Amino acid sequence: MSFRKVVRQSKFRHVFGQPVKNDQCYEDIRVSRVTWDSTFCAVNPKFLAVIVEASGGGAFLVLPLSKTGRIDKAYPTVCGHTGPVLDIDWCPHNDEVIASGSEDCTVMVRHRAVVGPRSQVWLEAAGSRAKQRPQRPSTPLPQVWQIPENGLTSPLTEPVVVLEGHTKRVGIVTWHPTARNVLLSAGCDNVVLIWNVGTAEELYRLDSLHPDLIYNVSWNHNGSLFCSACKDKSVRIIDPRRGALLAEREKAHEGARPMRAIFLADGKVFTTGFSRMSERQLALWDPENLEEPMALQELDSSNGALLPFYDPDTSVVYVCGKGDSSIRYFEITDEPPYIHFLNTFTSKEPQRGMGSMPKRGLEVSKCEIARFYKLHERKCEPIVMTVPRKSDLFQDDLYPDTAGPEAALEAEEWVSGQDANPILISLREAYVPSKQRDLKVSRRNVLSDTRPAVAPSSARPGASTSAVSVHTLVPGGSLTGAAEAGKLEEVMQELRALRALVKEQGERIGRLEEQLGRMENGDA
């Protein structure tokens, strides 16, 4: 379908996409050719992970974001799978933990945490009923790898803990949005498993709710429910702790090609799929009444599966088609027609996959509201989505408080029936990744309590003060003697004075930004 020029008022009307320069791309990456409708890419403020071609098994690259340019063919990969890797997902509560699913029926979790000033370790957990490797013990035993601070220097191959459950290939892995160490996996055995990765326990097995292949799974805002899209053309809303099917819509999209469903922040469900005439569609559903969609739009007749990426802070959905060379974006509102087309980013090369940077990893000083990592056949190209603004001040309306890396619940609390919304952080000072705690491995918990430090203003009420870390910069060298102590006191006094000044100016800036925002929106 051809979209008319948008005339409705929206601060996202003029969002435009801009690919980065060639020297900021990741070149010479052999992106996987496996036929699976996954994103093949996962990214967070520290690392980029891409599923790649590998002989004799499956592998994916994990690159520091700063490692742009040509990637050496000999660069080590994570290659513990014996079959092609199908899906990867970074943990939202620890930027050094990643989960992967594979055709070898395994779910693996790799953990990288600081254990000393010059060393790091990786922890990996796997679930499999496939044939065990000759060197792997028959019983689950934890193992830990230690790698250099700047990344892998040799391939990572062996898992540490076995999460045994799936009997066929695992195509979906997704972390719980608010509970620490809770991971969902779904396989071609039509089974959904939910794990406590920290203790290698299977928490819930949902093996009777899906009669056919599961295309995708999406948690809601607080992780109390998830929705799924299935090959039987149904969209389901499920309470995993009760094992209950709360709502189901048969033939949400009547076409035979894959569809996807995601939860929005307000509880509505957004789906992509195909019509009976093989035209690609978008739809918005109210879970309280799935009889008819709130909105249904037809896009075009291309045959690539549509991958939706949702930003809960701006209510913008970005839709990327596999094999397409464009990204369409839509704003979801409470007013009809509910799905409002904004614009299209178009490039020359088709995309093999796509990754999306969490909001806390964006450059707020450049009014960047989204950043995608587009996979070509041999490279990964970042694409920046920007709202043009004349002012260099912080844009409150573009950057409301967003989900931070702090988990709102422990796995045991979630299992007991508690729910909590994500703990929010402010992007006003721009997000700076915090230092992870030392890894502590115990028989009970195979993942460390690597709760990132957060600013006091973003900590949840009642949180332990140990989760808040304040770092003070002191001149190099050890301070001894009265003279040095006096100098230190002078530095501290100056630092306190500067902090007071910064606070005062920050309040002034906030007032000016509010005034500027009202002027730009025509309110003043």
Protein backbone atom coordinates (compact mmCIF):
# COMPACT_ATOMS: atom_id res chain seq x y z
CA MET A 1 0.00 0.00 0.00
CA SER A 2 1.17 3.55 -0.63
CA PHE A 3 1.13 5.87 2.36
CA ARG A 4 -0.04 9.44 2.12
CA LYS A 5 2.03 12.25 3.57
CA VAL A 6 1.43 12.48 7.30
CA VAL A 7 -0.36 15.64 8.35
CA ARG A 8 -1.26 14.86 11.98
CA GLN A 9 0.74 16.60 14.67
CA SER A 10 3.47 14.47 16.18
CA LYS A 11 6.95 15.18 17.47
CA PHE A 12 8.09 12.08 15.54
CA ARG A 13 6.79 13.25 12.16
CA HIS A 14 10.27 14.18 10.97
CA VAL A 15 12.26 11.26 12.37
CA PHE A 16 14.90 10.34 9.80
CA GLY A 17 17.32 7.44 9.50
CA GLN A 18 20.99 7.87 8.71
CA PRO A 19 23.49 5.05 8.17
CA VAL A 20 26.88 5.62 9.77
CA LYS A 21 30.06 6.07 7.78
CA ASN A 22 31.84 3.02 6.43
CA ASP A 23 34.61 3.17 9.02
CA GLN A 24 31.98 2.80 11.76
CA CYS A 25 30.55 -0.41 10.29
CA TYR A 26 31.60 -3.96 11.16
CA GLU A 27 33.06 -5.48 7.99
CA ASP A 28 33.86 -9.03 6.89
CA ILE A 29 31.26 -10.74 9.06
CA ARG A 30 29.87 -13.91 7.51
CA VAL A 31 26.25 -13.61 8.63
CA SER A 32 24.42 -16.90 9.09
CA ARG A 33 22.47 -18.27 6.13
CA VAL A 34 20.24 -20.53 8.20
CA THR A 35 16.57 -20.34 7.18
CA TRP A 36 15.00 -19.13 10.40
CA ASP A 37 13.05 -15.92 10.95
CA SER A 38 15.18 -14.62 13.78
CA THR A 39 16.87 -11.22 14.04
CA PHE A 40 20.35 -12.93 13.99
CA CYS A 41 21.65 -9.93 15.93
CA ALA A 42 21.55 -8.66 19.52
CA VAL A 43 23.10 -5.50 20.88
CA ASN A 44 23.45 -3.67 24.20
CA PRO A 45 25.45 -0.62 25.37
CA LYS A 46 28.64 -2.73 25.56
CA PHE A 47 28.60 -5.46 22.95
CA LEU A 48 27.31 -6.47 19.53
CA ALA A 49 26.48 -10.14 18.96
CA VAL A 50 25.89 -11.57 15.46
CA ILE A 51 25.06 -15.15 14.48
CA VAL A 52 27.62 -16.22 11.86
CA GLU A 53 28.36 -19.09 9.52
CA ALA A 54 30.41 -21.84 11.13
CA SER A 55 31.66 -25.18 9.87
CA GLY A 56 30.81 -28.20 11.97
CA GLY A 57 28.36 -26.45 14.29
CA GLY A 58 26.96 -23.08 15.24
CA ALA A 59 28.64 -19.89 16.38
CA PHE A 60 28.15 -16.21 17.01
CA LEU A 61 30.49 -13.26 17.29
CA VAL A 62 30.58 -11.03 20.36
CA LEU A 63 32.30 -7.72 19.59
CA PRO A 64 32.87 -4.66 21.75
CA LEU A 65 30.90 -1.81 20.18
CA SER A 66 34.14 0.09 19.61
CA LYS A 67 35.63 -2.71 17.48
CA THR A 68 34.49 -1.33 14.13
CA GLY A 69 36.12 -1.82 10.75
CA ARG A 70 37.27 -5.11 9.29
CA ILE A 71 36.89 -8.10 11.58
CA ASP A 72 39.68 -10.63 11.19
CA LYS A 73 38.53 -14.04 9.93
CA ALA A 74 40.44 -15.63 12.80
CA TYR A 75 38.57 -13.56 15.43
CA PRO A 76 37.38 -16.03 18.11
CA THR A 77 33.70 -16.89 18.30
CA VAL A 78 31.35 -18.42 20.83
CA CYS A 79 31.04 -21.86 19.29
CA GLY A 80 29.75 -24.20 21.97
CA HIS A 81 26.78 -25.34 19.88
CA THR A 82 26.96 -28.43 17.69
CA GLY A 83 24.22 -27.13 15.38
CA PRO A 84 23.48 -23.72 13.83
CA VAL A 85 22.58 -21.00 16.31
CA LEU A 86 19.02 -19.74 15.75
CA ASP A 87 18.48 -17.00 18.33
CA ILE A 88 20.46 -14.87 20.79
CA ASP A 89 19.36 -12.39 23.46
CA TRP A 90 21.28 -10.14 25.87
CA CYS A 91 20.16 -10.10 29.48
CA PRO A 92 18.50 -6.75 30.28
CA HIS A 93 19.95 -6.76 33.81
CA ASN A 94 23.57 -7.57 33.04
CA ASP A 95 25.23 -6.34 29.86
CA GLU A 96 27.71 -9.21 30.01
CA VAL A 97 25.21 -12.09 29.96
CA ILE A 98 23.86 -13.54 26.71
CA ALA A 99 21.59 -16.50 25.97
CA SER A 100 21.52 -18.51 22.75
CA GLY A 101 19.32 -21.23 21.24
CA SER A 102 20.35 -23.70 18.57
CA GLU A 103 19.37 -26.55 16.29
CA ASP A 104 21.27 -28.87 18.66
CA CYS A 105 18.33 -28.52 21.10
CA THR A 106 20.38 -26.49 23.57
CA VAL A 107 19.86 -23.26 25.44
CA MET A 108 23.13 -21.66 26.50
CA VAL A 109 23.82 -18.70 28.73
CA ARG A 110 27.23 -17.09 28.67
CA HIS A 111 28.30 -14.78 31.43
CA ARG A 112 31.18 -12.38 31.50
CA ALA A 113 31.89 -10.68 34.82
CA VAL A 114 34.83 -8.86 36.33
CA VAL A 115 36.85 -10.98 38.78
CA GLY A 116 39.91 -8.78 39.05
CA PRO A 117 41.49 -5.68 37.60
CA ARG A 118 42.89 -7.52 34.59
CA SER A 119 40.76 -10.60 34.16
CA GLN A 120 37.23 -11.64 33.25
CA VAL A 121 35.32 -14.90 33.26
CA TRP A 122 32.56 -16.38 31.21
CA LEU A 123 29.88 -18.69 32.50
CA GLU A 124 27.78 -20.81 30.19
CA ALA A 125 24.70 -22.89 30.86
CA ALA A 126 23.20 -25.29 28.36
CA GLY A 127 20.04 -27.35 28.08
CA SER A 128 20.04 -30.42 25.88
CA ARG A 129 18.66 -33.84 25.28
CA ALA A 130 20.87 -34.20 22.26
CA LYS A 131 23.83 -36.57 22.26
CA GLN A 132 26.43 -35.45 24.81
CA ARG A 133 29.91 -34.61 23.63
CA PRO A 134 32.49 -37.23 24.64
CA GLN A 135 34.32 -34.86 27.00
CA ARG A 136 31.22 -33.47 28.69
CA PRO A 137 30.28 -35.02 32.06
CA SER A 138 27.00 -36.90 32.19
CA THR A 139 25.87 -34.88 35.21
CA PRO A 140 25.56 -31.08 35.30
CA LEU A 141 28.74 -29.53 36.70
CA PRO A 142 29.63 -25.83 36.73
CA GLN A 143 32.68 -24.75 34.77
CA VAL A 144 34.18 -21.30 34.38
CA TRP A 145 36.40 -19.80 31.67
CA GLN A 146 38.70 -16.89 32.18
CA ILE A 147 39.42 -14.59 29.26
CA PRO A 148 41.34 -11.35 28.76
CA GLU A 149 39.75 -8.08 29.73
CA ASN A 150 39.41 -6.87 26.12
CA GLY A 151 37.55 -9.91 24.82
CA LEU A 152 37.99 -13.48 23.71
CA THR A 153 41.44 -14.54 22.59
CA SER A 154 40.37 -18.12 21.84
CA PRO A 155 37.04 -19.75 20.91
CA LEU A 156 34.59 -20.49 23.72
CA THR A 157 33.32 -24.05 23.32
CA GLU A 158 32.23 -25.93 26.43
CA PRO A 159 29.12 -25.32 28.55
CA VAL A 160 29.17 -25.38 32.32
CA VAL A 161 25.62 -26.12 33.46
CA VAL A 162 23.05 -28.23 31.60
CA LEU A 163 19.44 -26.99 31.50
CA GLU A 164 17.86 -30.15 30.19
CA GLY A 165 14.42 -29.85 28.67
CA HIS A 166 13.94 -29.41 24.90
CA THR A 167 13.83 -32.37 22.53
CA LYS A 168 14.00 -30.40 19.27
CA ARG A 169 15.79 -27.28 18.07
CA VAL A 170 15.46 -24.15 20.18
CA GLY A 171 14.48 -21.16 18.06
CA ILE A 172 13.48 -18.61 20.71
CA VAL A 173 15.25 -17.31 23.82
CA THR A 174 14.05 -14.20 25.65
CA TRP A 175 14.82 -12.82 29.10
CA HIS A 176 12.21 -11.71 31.61
CA PRO A 177 12.01 -7.89 31.58
CA THR A 178 12.03 -7.33 35.35
CA ALA A 179 13.02 -10.53 37.20
CA ARG A 180 16.69 -11.42 37.49
CA ASN A 181 17.95 -14.66 35.90
CA VAL A 182 14.53 -15.71 34.50
CA LEU A 183 14.83 -16.96 30.91
CA LEU A 184 12.16 -18.24 28.53
CA SER A 185 12.98 -20.67 25.74
CA ALA A 186 10.74 -22.15 23.08
CA GLY A 187 11.56 -24.97 20.71
CA CYS A 188 10.29 -26.80 17.68
CA ASP A 189 8.89 -29.35 20.11
CA ASN A 190 6.11 -26.74 20.66
CA VAL A 191 7.15 -26.45 24.31
CA VAL A 192 7.81 -23.25 26.26
CA LEU A 193 10.21 -23.61 29.18
CA ILE A 194 10.96 -20.97 31.80
CA TRP A 195 14.21 -21.28 33.72
CA ASN A 196 15.90 -19.83 36.75
CA VAL A 197 19.32 -19.57 35.13
CA GLY A 198 20.93 -18.68 38.45
CA THR A 199 20.16 -22.12 39.87
CA ALA A 200 19.78 -24.13 36.64
CA GLU A 201 16.19 -24.97 37.60
CA GLU A 202 13.26 -25.50 35.25
CA LEU A 203 10.53 -23.31 36.75
CA TYR A 204 7.63 -23.91 34.38
CA ARG A 205 6.93 -26.26 31.47
CA LEU A 206 4.13 -25.26 29.10
CA ASP A 207 3.76 -28.20 26.74
CA SER A 208 0.04 -28.27 25.92
CA LEU A 209 -0.77 -24.71 24.84
CA HIS A 210 0.74 -24.69 21.33
CA PRO A 211 -0.23 -27.40 18.82
CA ASP A 212 2.31 -26.25 16.22
CA LEU A 213 5.58 -24.38 15.72
CA ILE A 214 5.96 -21.23 17.84
CA TYR A 215 7.08 -18.25 15.76
CA ASN A 216 7.81 -15.82 18.58
CA VAL A 217 7.17 -14.99 22.23
CA SER A 218 6.96 -11.54 23.86
CA TRP A 219 6.71 -10.65 27.57
CA ASN A 220 4.41 -7.85 28.67
CA HIS A 221 5.71 -4.72 30.43
CA ASN A 222 6.08 -6.25 33.89
CA GLY A 223 6.61 -9.86 32.88
CA SER A 224 3.38 -11.21 34.36
CA LEU A 225 2.16 -12.50 30.99
CA PHE A 226 3.49 -13.29 27.55
CA CYS A 227 1.93 -13.45 24.11
CA SER A 228 2.89 -15.85 21.36
CA ALA A 229 2.40 -16.27 17.61
CA CYS A 230 2.05 -19.81 16.34
CA LYS A 231 2.06 -21.60 13.00
CA ASP A 232 -1.61 -22.49 13.51
CA LYS A 233 -2.26 -18.73 12.84
CA SER A 234 -3.31 -18.07 16.42
CA VAL A 235 -2.16 -15.38 18.83
CA ARG A 236 -2.28 -16.44 22.47
CA ILE A 237 -1.97 -14.57 25.76
CA ILE A 238 -0.62 -16.81 28.51
CA ASP A 239 -0.07 -16.60 32.26
CA PRO A 240 3.07 -18.75 32.66
CA ARG A 241 2.94 -19.15 36.44
CA ARG A 242 -0.59 -20.55 36.31
CA GLY A 243 -0.02 -22.32 33.00
CA ALA A 244 -3.27 -20.72 31.86
CA LEU A 245 -4.38 -19.58 28.41
CA LEU A 246 -6.08 -16.23 29.09
CA ALA A 247 -7.07 -15.29 25.55
CA GLU A 248 -6.70 -16.66 22.03
CA ARG A 249 -7.37 -15.24 18.58
CA GLU A 250 -7.53 -17.81 15.80
CA LYS A 251 -6.50 -16.67 12.33
CA ALA A 252 -5.15 -13.35 13.55
CA HIS A 253 -3.59 -13.20 10.09
CA GLU A 254 -4.97 -15.65 7.56
CA GLY A 255 -1.83 -16.07 5.44
CA ALA A 256 0.36 -19.14 5.73
CA ARG A 257 3.65 -17.25 6.17
CA PRO A 258 5.18 -16.51 9.60
CA MET A 259 3.66 -13.87 11.84
CA ARG A 260 4.82 -12.19 15.04
CA ALA A 261 3.14 -10.71 18.10
CA ILE A 262 4.49 -8.28 20.70
CA PHE A 263 3.06 -6.73 23.85
CA LEU A 264 2.90 -2.93 24.03
CA ALA A 265 3.41 -0.97 27.24
CA ASP A 266 -0.32 -0.35 27.71
CA GLY A 267 -1.15 -4.06 27.43
CA LYS A 268 -2.32 -4.07 23.83
CA VAL A 269 -0.87 -6.57 21.34
CA PHE A 270 0.72 -5.57 18.02
CA THR A 271 1.01 -8.24 15.33
CA THR A 272 2.55 -8.58 11.88
CA GLY A 273 1.64 -11.25 9.36
CA PHE A 274 0.14 -12.00 5.96
CA SER A 275 -3.34 -11.90 4.50
CA ARG A 276 -4.96 -14.74 2.60
CA MET A 277 -3.74 -13.02 -0.59
CA SER A 278 -0.14 -12.95 0.80
CA GLU A 279 -0.14 -9.23 1.48
CA ARG A 280 1.84 -8.16 4.53
CA GLN A 281 -0.27 -6.76 7.37
CA LEU A 282 -0.04 -4.90 10.69
CA ALA A 283 -2.71 -5.19 13.35
CA LEU A 284 -3.44 -3.87 16.84
CA TRP A 285 -5.47 -5.92 19.31
CA ASP A 286 -7.17 -5.32 22.63
CA PRO A 287 -6.58 -8.42 24.83
CA GLU A 288 -9.98 -7.87 26.45
CA ASN A 289 -11.66 -8.37 23.07
CA LEU A 290 -9.75 -10.29 20.40
CA GLU A 291 -12.78 -10.77 18.14
CA GLU A 292 -11.83 -7.89 15.86
CA PRO A 293 -8.57 -5.91 15.59
CA MET A 294 -8.60 -2.30 16.74
CA ALA A 295 -6.68 -1.49 13.56
CA LEU A 296 -5.55 -3.45 10.52
CA GLN A 297 -3.29 -2.12 7.78
CA GLU A 298 -1.95 -3.77 4.65
CA LEU A 299 1.57 -2.83 3.60
CA ASP A 300 2.66 -4.57 0.40
CA SER A 301 2.98 -7.96 -1.25
CA SER A 302 6.63 -8.74 -0.42
CA ASN A 303 7.28 -12.17 1.04
CA GLY A 304 9.77 -11.42 3.83
CA ALA A 305 8.63 -11.86 7.43
CA LEU A 306 8.08 -8.56 9.26
CA LEU A 307 10.13 -8.09 12.45
CA PRO A 308 8.63 -5.46 14.82
CA PHE A 309 10.81 -3.47 17.26
CA TYR A 310 8.92 -1.50 19.89
CA ASP A 311 10.03 1.54 21.91
CA PRO A 312 7.76 1.82 24.98
CA ASP A 313 9.07 5.30 25.80
CA THR A 314 7.88 6.87 22.54
CA SER A 315 5.18 4.34 21.51
CA VAL A 316 6.88 3.99 18.13
CA VAL A 317 7.03 0.62 16.37
CA TYR A 318 9.74 0.04 13.77
CA VAL A 319 8.94 -2.70 11.26
CA CYS A 320 11.78 -4.37 9.34
CA GLY A 321 11.14 -6.99 6.69
CA LYS A 322 13.64 -9.78 6.17
CA GLY A 323 15.04 -9.34 2.69
CA ASP A 324 13.71 -5.77 2.52
CA SER A 325 15.87 -2.70 2.18
CA SER A 326 13.64 -0.45 4.30
CA ILE A 327 12.52 0.23 7.85
CA ARG A 328 8.99 1.58 8.30
CA TYR A 329 7.99 3.25 11.54
CA PHE A 330 4.61 3.89 13.08
CA GLU A 331 3.33 5.72 16.13
CA ILE A 332 0.77 3.91 18.27
CA THR A 333 -1.79 6.21 19.93
CA ASP A 334 -5.15 6.00 21.70
CA GLU A 335 -6.90 7.82 18.87
CA PRO A 336 -8.17 6.17 15.66
CA PRO A 337 -6.76 4.84 13.43
CA TYR A 338 -4.38 3.92 16.33
CA ILE A 339 -1.49 2.93 14.01
CA HIS A 340 -0.13 6.14 12.45
CA PHE A 341 2.47 5.85 9.70
CA LEU A 342 5.44 8.17 10.29
CA ASN A 343 8.07 7.54 7.63
CA THR A 344 10.27 5.02 5.86
CA PHE A 345 14.03 4.64 5.90
CA THR A 346 15.25 3.12 2.65
CA SER A 347 18.67 1.88 1.62
CA LYS A 348 20.02 -0.07 -1.34
CA GLU A 349 21.03 -3.37 0.26
CA PRO A 350 18.53 -5.92 1.64
CA GLN A 351 18.75 -6.80 5.33
CA ARG A 352 19.52 -10.33 6.54
CA GLY A 353 18.71 -9.46 10.14
CA MET A 354 18.44 -6.55 12.54
CA GLY A 355 19.40 -5.65 16.10
CA SER A 356 18.06 -2.78 18.21
CA MET A 357 20.02 -0.83 20.84
CA PRO A 358 18.31 -0.38 24.23
CA LYS A 359 17.36 3.22 24.97
CA ARG A 360 20.07 3.63 27.61
CA GLY A 361 22.73 3.03 24.95
CA LEU A 362 21.72 5.93 22.69
CA GLU A 363 23.40 9.32 22.28
CA VAL A 364 20.88 11.69 23.81
CA SER A 365 22.95 14.77 22.92
CA LYS A 366 22.24 14.05 19.23
CA CYS A 367 18.49 13.50 19.73
CA GLU A 368 18.94 9.84 18.77
CA ILE A 369 15.74 7.95 19.59
CA ALA A 370 16.68 4.58 18.09
CA ARG A 371 19.69 2.80 16.63
CA PHE A 372 19.51 -0.33 14.53
CA TYR A 373 22.26 -2.71 13.49
CA LYS A 374 21.44 -3.90 9.99
CA LEU A 375 22.99 -7.17 8.85
CA HIS A 376 24.16 -7.40 5.26
CA GLU A 377 25.63 -10.53 3.74
CA ARG A 378 29.15 -9.61 4.89
CA LYS A 379 28.81 -6.71 7.31
CA CYS A 380 26.81 -5.05 10.05
CA GLU A 381 25.76 -1.42 9.49
CA PRO A 382 24.45 0.80 12.32
CA ILE A 383 21.52 3.04 11.35
CA VAL A 384 20.73 6.02 13.57
CA MET A 385 17.16 7.34 13.94
CA THR A 386 17.11 11.02 14.91
CA VAL A 387 14.50 13.67 15.69
CA PRO A 388 15.77 16.99 14.29
CA ARG A 389 15.88 19.69 16.97
CA LYS A 390 17.53 23.09 16.83
CA SER A 391 18.28 23.21 20.54
CA ASP A 392 21.35 21.51 22.03
CA LEU A 393 19.61 21.14 25.39
CA PHE A 394 18.35 17.84 26.79
CA GLN A 395 14.97 17.00 25.24
CA ASP A 396 12.68 15.87 28.06
CA ASP A 397 9.84 15.00 25.71
CA LEU A 398 12.02 12.62 23.69
CA TYR A 399 13.67 10.96 26.68
CA PRO A 400 11.30 10.14 29.53
CA ASP A 401 12.78 7.93 32.23
CA THR A 402 13.53 4.55 30.68
CA ALA A 403 14.13 1.00 31.86
CA GLY A 404 17.53 0.66 33.51
CA PRO A 405 19.74 -2.36 34.12
CA GLU A 406 18.53 -2.93 37.68
CA ALA A 407 16.24 -5.94 38.15
CA ALA A 408 13.03 -5.11 40.01
CA LEU A 409 12.59 -8.66 41.32
CA GLU A 410 14.62 -11.74 42.10
CA ALA A 411 13.58 -14.96 40.39
CA GLU A 412 12.20 -16.37 43.64
CA GLU A 413 10.03 -13.29 44.17
CA TRP A 414 8.56 -13.60 40.68
CA VAL A 415 7.87 -17.30 41.18
CA SER A 416 6.06 -16.49 44.45
CA GLY A 417 3.59 -14.36 42.47
CA GLN A 418 5.05 -10.88 42.77
CA ASP A 419 5.10 -8.49 39.80
CA ALA A 420 6.96 -5.21 39.36
CA ASN A 421 7.42 -2.68 36.60
CA PRO A 422 10.94 -2.00 35.31
CA ILE A 423 13.07 0.28 37.47
CA LEU A 424 13.50 3.49 35.52
CA ILE A 425 16.56 5.67 35.11
CA SER A 426 16.97 9.18 33.76
CA LEU A 427 18.95 9.78 30.58
CA ARG A 428 19.53 13.45 31.41
CA GLU A 429 23.16 12.88 32.35
CA ALA A 430 23.48 10.21 29.62
CA TYR A 431 23.75 6.59 30.61
CA VAL A 432 27.20 5.38 31.64
CA PRO A 433 27.56 1.58 32.02
CA SER A 434 28.40 0.68 35.59
CA LYS A 435 31.07 -1.71 36.77
CA GLN A 436 29.87 -5.25 37.41
CA ARG A 437 30.43 -6.93 40.75
CA ASP A 438 32.82 -9.83 41.22
CA LEU A 439 31.50 -13.20 40.14
CA LYS A 440 30.49 -15.41 43.07
CA VAL A 441 29.67 -18.98 42.09
CA SER A 442 27.82 -21.19 44.55
CA ARG A 443 26.12 -24.54 44.32
CA ARG A 444 22.81 -22.76 44.69
CA ASN A 445 23.35 -19.93 42.23
CA VAL A 446 25.46 -20.45 39.12
CA LEU A 447 25.22 -16.81 38.08
CA SER A 448 26.75 -14.02 40.11
CA ASP A 449 24.72 -11.30 41.75
CA THR A 450 26.04 -8.74 39.29
CA ARG A 451 23.50 -6.08 40.07
CA PRO A 452 24.77 -2.92 38.34
CA ALA A 453 25.23 0.18 40.41
CA VAL A 454 22.62 2.88 39.81
CA ALA A 455 22.20 6.47 40.78
CA PRO A 456 20.38 6.97 44.11
CA SER A 457 17.53 8.74 42.33
CA SER A 458 16.83 5.68 40.18
CA ALA A 459 16.99 3.05 42.93
CA ARG A 460 13.66 1.52 43.91
CA PRO A 461 12.23 2.33 47.33
CA GLY A 462 13.60 0.07 50.03
CA ALA A 463 16.49 -1.12 47.90
CA SER A 464 19.68 -2.02 49.67
CA THR A 465 22.20 0.76 49.84
CA SER A 466 24.82 -1.73 48.70
CA ALA A 467 23.34 -1.45 45.20
CA VAL A 468 24.34 2.20 45.05
CA SER A 469 27.93 2.93 44.25
CA VAL A 470 29.53 6.38 44.37
CA HIS A 471 32.96 6.76 42.80
CA THR A 472 35.14 9.74 43.68
CA LEU A 473 38.06 10.66 41.49
CA VAL A 474 41.25 11.23 43.49
CA PRO A 475 44.63 12.26 42.02
CA GLY A 476 46.98 9.33 41.39
CA GLY A 477 49.41 8.04 44.01
CA SER A 478 48.82 7.09 47.64
CA LEU A 479 48.08 9.94 50.02
CA THR A 480 50.14 9.82 53.22
CA GLY A 481 50.94 12.39 55.88
CA ALA A 482 49.20 15.57 56.99
CA ALA A 483 50.15 17.57 53.89
CA GLU A 484 48.57 15.05 51.59
CA ALA A 485 45.50 14.86 53.83
CA GLY A 486 45.16 18.64 53.64
CA LYS A 487 45.38 18.57 49.87
CA LEU A 488 42.73 15.88 49.76
CA GLU A 489 40.41 17.99 51.91
CA GLU A 490 40.91 20.96 49.55
CA VAL A 491 40.04 18.78 46.58
CA MET A 492 36.94 17.47 48.34
CA GLN A 493 35.79 20.99 49.23
CA GLU A 494 36.23 22.15 45.66
CA LEU A 495 34.39 19.05 44.45
CA ARG A 496 31.46 19.75 46.79
CA ALA A 497 31.29 23.35 45.60
CA LEU A 498 31.29 22.23 41.98
CA ARG A 499 28.52 19.70 42.64
CA ALA A 500 26.37 22.39 44.23
CA LEU A 501 26.97 24.65 41.22
CA VAL A 502 26.15 21.85 38.78
CA LYS A 503 22.93 21.09 40.65
CA GLU A 504 21.89 24.74 40.58
CA GLN A 505 22.66 25.06 36.87
CA GLY A 506 20.89 21.77 36.17
CA GLU A 507 17.70 23.09 37.74
CA ARG A 508 18.00 26.25 35.70
CA ILE A 509 18.54 24.23 32.51
CA GLY A 510 15.45 22.15 33.34
CA ARG A 511 13.30 25.27 33.63
CA LEU A 512 14.63 26.65 30.33
CA GLU A 513 14.04 23.31 28.57
CA GLU A 514 10.44 23.23 29.76
CA GLN A 515 9.93 26.76 28.47
CA LEU A 516 11.59 25.88 25.15
CA GLY A 517 9.48 22.73 24.79
CA ARG A 518 6.28 24.73 25.28
CA MET A 519 7.42 27.26 22.68
CA GLU A 520 8.29 24.55 20.13
CA ASN A 521 4.95 22.83 20.65
CA GLY A 522 3.12 26.14 20.20
CA ASP A 523 1.89 26.23 23.81
CA ALA A 524 3.58 29.58 24.51
